[in-house]
Each structure stands twice: as C-alpha cells, then as structure tokens.
Amino acid sequence: MVGKRYKQARDSITEGEELSVEKAVSIVKKNSTAKFDETIELAINLGVDTRHADQMVRGVCSLPNGTGKNVRVAVFARDQKAEEAKAAGADLVGAEDLMESVQNGNIDFDRCVATPDMMPIVGRLGKVLGPRNLMPNPKVGTVTMDVKGAIESAKGGEVQFRAEKSGVVHAGVGKASFDEKKLVENVRAFIDAVTKAKPSGAKGTYLKKIVMSSTMGPSVILDTGVL
C-alpha cells in the first residue's frame, strides 16, 4: 500500500521523463519529506557484463561536498601504524582480535583499511567483507601504509563503488539537507568518476540509465545525453 506522502511525491514526477541533473536534484530534494535527513542516492545501470574481468567497474570518488554521513573506519594494523590509525580517528583498530570480532559478526564499520602486512589476516575475512564491499583493496587505496591518509579520505567524503552482477553501481551522494548546488556538484563528480572508470572491454552504450532518489522518496531518471 502506497502512503499519502509517497503518492503526492510520485504525482509530482512525469513518468519516463529524463531530467537534467539540476532539475532532478530539485525534485528529489523537495520530495524528501521524511522525519530524518534522507540520503540522496544514485543508481547507474552500465552497459557491462561483470562476468568478464575486462568489464569489471570499480573505483573511488572524492565528493567535493562530502557525504553528510559519519563514516566509521576499521583499521587492521600493528604497533606504530596502529597508533597512527588511532591518532587519525579510526573507530576500530586491531589485528587478530579485530579479525575474530568480525568473524563473530561484529561489522560496525563502513570502511576497512589495512596495512599490507595485515592482508594474510584480512584475507580470511573475504567471505564476510567481500559481499559488503568492505574488503581492503590496493586499487582503491585501502591497502596502504598511509593509514592516516586513508582514514582522512574515508571520513572526508570519499565514496567507493563497484558494479554489481547486474552491472549496476549504487552510491549515496549527499543528504537532503544539502543545498541544491552542493548536491549537483556531488552528483556530477560521482558520474564523472564512474565514466572515467569505463573498462576496456565495455562495448556500446556505457551509461545506459541513471536514476536518482532519496531514501524514502520516488525516483527520477537523469538525461544521460547531456552528461
């Protein structure tokens, strides 16, 4: 059953209409009327087949205006690097103890960073962290000796993305409380990052469809032809 608030929001949208980023942000922001600060989300349908290694899409994007979210960071490190992580504001720091905690189902973090020497330990968590897109990876800067830089990037508005099996990339690009200009800048920055991550094996149309919505609101379609 569709609620009255959602129905009113949906009625403000012309079904199938493709909008500019500015118009889409304006409509989605106005329709974000929940009692909490809703996240503005993008879903990008890509023309890739992720079963092929040369069509996998993965990367990071530093949103110019941040995500508006308090990002909790877990760091696998020892000794000096562990102390460096704590000083940089990591929420969880450890080695075998942190591994055991994660294995027991305690995954109270949004980003996972590890120093290279910790990967034999972190590797045991692949089945737990992998499906949640939390597995540290050197390609996105989360396997690094610069734990301070990785923590600051995560907390400063860096968003990781990876195409799902269906070829869709999801990301939160800000909060409904952001002003429209900041949301537009974030949306454009994220789409640009995904565009630049186009794999060599991708053929035909790459950006097939882009949909924007808020956490509790209806979605709108962006005009990929003007991006």
Protein backbone atom coordinates (compact mmCIF):
# COMPACT_ATOMS: atom_id res chain seq x y z
CA MET A 1 0.00 0.00 0.00
CA VAL A 2 1.36 3.41 -1.01
CA GLY A 3 1.30 6.11 1.66
CA LYS A 4 -0.19 9.56 1.09
CA ARG A 5 3.19 11.32 1.30
CA TYR A 6 4.79 8.96 -1.22
CA LYS A 7 1.80 9.23 -3.60
CA GLN A 8 1.98 13.03 -3.55
CA ALA A 9 5.69 12.89 -4.28
CA ARG A 10 5.20 10.40 -7.11
CA ASP A 11 2.44 12.54 -8.64
CA SER A 12 4.95 15.41 -8.96
CA ILE A 13 7.01 13.32 -11.39
CA THR A 14 6.24 12.72 -15.06
CA GLU A 15 6.79 9.02 -15.61
CA GLY A 16 9.64 8.25 -18.01
CA GLU A 17 10.78 11.88 -18.30
CA GLU A 18 14.56 12.32 -18.43
CA LEU A 19 15.79 15.31 -16.44
CA SER A 20 18.88 17.45 -16.16
CA VAL A 21 20.94 16.96 -13.00
CA GLU A 22 19.75 20.33 -11.67
CA LYS A 23 16.06 19.55 -12.24
CA ALA A 24 16.42 16.03 -10.83
CA VAL A 25 18.11 17.30 -7.67
CA SER A 26 15.43 19.95 -7.18
CA ILE A 27 12.57 17.43 -7.46
CA VAL A 28 14.20 14.73 -5.32
CA LYS A 29 15.14 17.25 -2.64
CA LYS A 30 11.59 18.66 -2.48
CA ASN A 31 10.18 15.14 -2.20
CA SER A 32 12.48 14.26 0.71
CA THR A 33 9.92 14.89 3.43
CA ALA A 34 10.68 12.10 5.90
CA LYS A 35 11.29 12.96 9.56
CA PHE A 36 15.02 12.20 9.17
CA ASP A 37 17.71 13.58 6.87
CA GLU A 38 17.33 11.31 3.86
CA THR A 39 20.28 10.20 1.75
CA ILE A 40 20.27 11.19 -1.92
CA GLU A 41 21.16 8.07 -3.90
CA LEU A 42 22.23 7.29 -7.44
CA ALA A 43 21.79 4.01 -9.30
CA ILE A 44 23.70 3.80 -12.57
CA ASN A 45 22.91 0.98 -14.98
CA LEU A 46 26.07 0.30 -17.02
CA GLY A 47 26.50 -1.48 -20.31
CA VAL A 48 28.93 -4.04 -18.94
CA ASP A 49 28.97 -7.77 -18.28
CA THR A 50 30.73 -8.20 -14.94
CA ARG A 51 31.27 -11.90 -15.59
CA HIS A 52 34.23 -10.79 -17.73
CA ALA A 53 37.30 -9.44 -15.94
CA ASP A 54 37.87 -6.74 -18.57
CA GLN A 55 34.38 -5.34 -17.95
CA MET A 56 34.54 -5.00 -14.17
CA VAL A 57 33.94 -1.47 -12.89
CA ARG A 58 35.47 -0.40 -9.60
CA GLY A 59 36.84 2.85 -8.23
CA VAL A 60 36.64 5.71 -5.75
CA CYS A 61 35.27 9.22 -5.89
CA SER A 62 36.01 12.11 -3.55
CA LEU A 63 32.74 14.02 -3.34
CA PRO A 64 33.53 17.76 -3.28
CA ASN A 65 30.96 18.40 -0.54
CA GLY A 66 31.24 15.15 1.42
CA THR A 67 28.55 12.56 2.02
CA GLY A 68 26.99 14.05 5.14
CA LYS A 69 27.45 10.68 6.77
CA ASN A 70 29.53 9.82 9.82
CA VAL A 71 31.77 7.13 8.33
CA ARG A 72 33.11 4.55 10.77
CA VAL A 73 36.54 3.21 9.81
CA ALA A 74 38.16 -0.05 10.93
CA VAL A 75 41.91 -0.44 10.51
CA PHE A 76 43.96 -3.62 10.57
CA ALA A 77 47.42 -2.61 11.74
CA ARG A 78 50.05 -3.26 14.40
CA ASP A 79 52.42 -1.25 16.58
CA GLN A 80 53.31 2.19 15.18
CA LYS A 81 50.75 2.03 12.37
CA ALA A 82 48.05 1.04 14.85
CA GLU A 83 48.89 4.08 16.97
CA GLU A 84 48.89 6.24 13.84
CA ALA A 85 45.42 4.95 12.96
CA LYS A 86 44.07 5.72 16.42
CA ALA A 87 45.51 9.23 16.32
CA ALA A 88 43.92 9.79 12.89
CA GLY A 89 40.46 8.99 14.25
CA ALA A 90 39.95 5.33 13.32
CA ASP A 91 36.92 3.89 15.11
CA LEU A 92 38.30 0.35 15.37
CA VAL A 93 41.94 -0.74 15.32
CA GLY A 94 43.35 -4.22 15.74
CA ALA A 95 44.85 -7.35 14.22
CA GLU A 96 43.86 -10.91 15.19
CA ASP A 97 41.46 -9.56 17.79
CA LEU A 98 39.67 -7.44 15.19
CA MET A 99 39.58 -10.40 12.78
CA GLU A 100 37.91 -12.57 15.41
CA SER A 101 35.40 -9.83 16.18
CA VAL A 102 34.45 -9.55 12.50
CA GLN A 103 34.21 -13.34 12.19
CA ASN A 104 31.74 -13.26 15.08
CA GLY A 105 29.52 -10.90 13.12
CA ASN A 106 30.59 -7.57 14.59
CA ILE A 107 30.79 -5.39 11.48
CA ASP A 108 30.11 -1.98 12.95
CA PHE A 109 32.04 -0.01 10.33
CA ASP A 110 31.61 1.46 6.84
CA ARG A 111 35.20 1.31 5.54
CA CYS A 112 38.02 -1.14 6.19
CA VAL A 113 41.70 -0.21 5.84
CA ALA A 114 44.72 -2.49 6.23
CA THR A 115 48.47 -2.22 6.06
CA PRO A 116 49.99 -4.66 3.52
CA ASP A 117 51.44 -6.95 6.22
CA MET A 118 47.92 -7.48 7.60
CA MET A 119 46.48 -8.95 4.42
CA PRO A 120 47.16 -12.61 5.38
CA ILE A 121 44.85 -11.99 8.35
CA VAL A 122 42.32 -9.87 6.49
CA GLY A 123 42.26 -12.40 3.64
CA ARG A 124 40.48 -14.86 5.94
CA LEU A 125 37.55 -12.45 6.05
CA GLY A 126 36.94 -12.39 2.31
CA LYS A 127 33.59 -14.22 2.51
CA VAL A 128 32.39 -11.80 5.18
CA LEU A 129 33.74 -8.47 3.91
CA GLY A 130 33.64 -9.14 0.16
CA PRO A 131 29.85 -9.23 -0.29
CA ARG A 132 29.59 -5.99 1.70
CA ASN A 133 32.18 -4.25 -0.50
CA LEU A 134 34.36 -3.78 2.59
CA MET A 135 37.37 -5.86 1.60
CA PRO A 136 40.55 -3.72 1.61
CA ASN A 137 41.98 -3.32 -1.88
CA PRO A 138 45.14 -1.52 -3.04
CA LYS A 139 43.33 -0.33 -6.20
CA VAL A 140 41.05 1.90 -4.12
CA GLY A 141 43.67 2.91 -1.57
CA THR A 142 42.51 0.82 1.38
CA VAL A 143 45.59 -1.43 1.48
CA THR A 144 48.25 1.10 2.30
CA MET A 145 50.98 2.19 4.68
CA ASP A 146 49.42 5.67 4.67
CA VAL A 147 46.67 4.76 7.12
CA LYS A 148 46.26 8.39 8.17
CA GLY A 149 45.55 9.46 4.60
CA ALA A 150 43.13 6.57 4.05
CA ILE A 151 41.19 7.40 7.21
CA GLU A 152 41.00 11.10 6.37
CA SER A 153 39.78 10.31 2.83
CA ALA A 154 37.08 7.95 4.11
CA LYS A 155 35.82 10.41 6.67
CA GLY A 156 36.15 13.38 4.31
CA GLY A 157 33.66 12.22 1.69
CA GLU A 158 35.35 9.54 -0.40
CA VAL A 159 32.91 7.04 -1.90
CA GLN A 160 33.90 3.61 -3.18
CA PHE A 161 31.90 1.99 -5.97
CA ARG A 162 31.77 -1.39 -7.64
CA ALA A 163 29.42 -2.74 -10.28
CA GLU A 164 27.09 -5.48 -9.08
CA LYS A 165 26.48 -8.66 -11.07
CA SER A 166 23.67 -6.90 -12.91
CA GLY A 167 26.01 -4.08 -13.94
CA VAL A 168 24.50 -1.51 -11.59
CA VAL A 169 26.53 0.90 -9.45
CA HIS A 170 24.88 2.34 -6.31
CA ALA A 171 26.06 5.23 -4.13
CA GLY A 172 24.86 7.81 -1.66
CA VAL A 173 25.96 11.24 -2.87
CA GLY A 174 24.81 13.51 -0.07
CA LYS A 175 21.93 14.37 2.23
CA ALA A 176 18.60 16.02 1.53
CA SER A 177 19.67 18.85 3.86
CA PHE A 178 22.47 19.84 1.45
CA ASP A 179 21.70 22.84 -0.73
CA GLU A 180 20.97 22.07 -4.36
CA LYS A 181 24.27 23.42 -5.69
CA LYS A 182 26.30 21.10 -3.45
CA LEU A 183 24.19 18.10 -4.40
CA VAL A 184 24.57 18.89 -8.10
CA GLU A 185 28.35 19.11 -7.69
CA ASN A 186 28.43 15.77 -5.86
CA VAL A 187 26.22 14.06 -8.44
CA ARG A 188 28.33 15.30 -11.33
CA ALA A 189 31.57 14.30 -9.57
CA PHE A 190 30.30 10.76 -8.99
CA ILE A 191 29.01 10.27 -12.53
CA ASP A 192 32.32 11.62 -13.85
CA ALA A 193 34.27 9.12 -11.70
CA VAL A 194 32.15 6.20 -12.93
CA THR A 195 32.55 7.40 -16.52
CA LYS A 196 36.34 7.55 -16.16
CA ALA A 197 36.31 4.02 -14.72
CA LYS A 198 34.92 2.64 -18.01
CA PRO A 199 36.69 -0.69 -18.57
CA SER A 200 38.49 -1.56 -21.79
CA GLY A 201 36.09 -4.42 -22.53
CA ALA A 202 32.92 -2.32 -22.40
CA LYS A 203 31.18 -2.10 -25.78
CA GLY A 204 28.28 0.03 -26.95
CA THR A 205 26.47 2.42 -24.62
CA TYR A 206 28.24 2.64 -21.25
CA LEU A 207 25.89 4.85 -19.22
CA LYS A 208 22.59 3.15 -20.03
CA LYS A 209 20.37 4.65 -17.34
CA ILE A 210 20.86 6.83 -14.25
CA VAL A 211 18.21 7.02 -11.56
CA MET A 212 18.18 9.37 -8.56
CA SER A 213 16.08 9.05 -5.42
CA SER A 214 16.02 9.83 -1.74
CA THR A 215 15.86 7.13 0.93
CA MET A 216 12.05 7.22 1.21
CA GLY A 217 11.08 9.02 -1.98
CA PRO A 218 10.27 8.05 -5.57
CA SER A 219 12.97 8.02 -8.23
CA VAL A 220 13.59 10.24 -11.24
CA ILE A 221 15.57 9.50 -14.40
CA LEU A 222 18.55 11.60 -15.48
CA ASP A 223 19.16 12.53 -19.09
CA THR A 224 22.42 10.73 -19.90
CA GLY A 225 22.60 12.51 -23.23
CA VAL A 226 23.57 15.83 -21.62
CA LEU A 227 26.02 14.47 -19.06
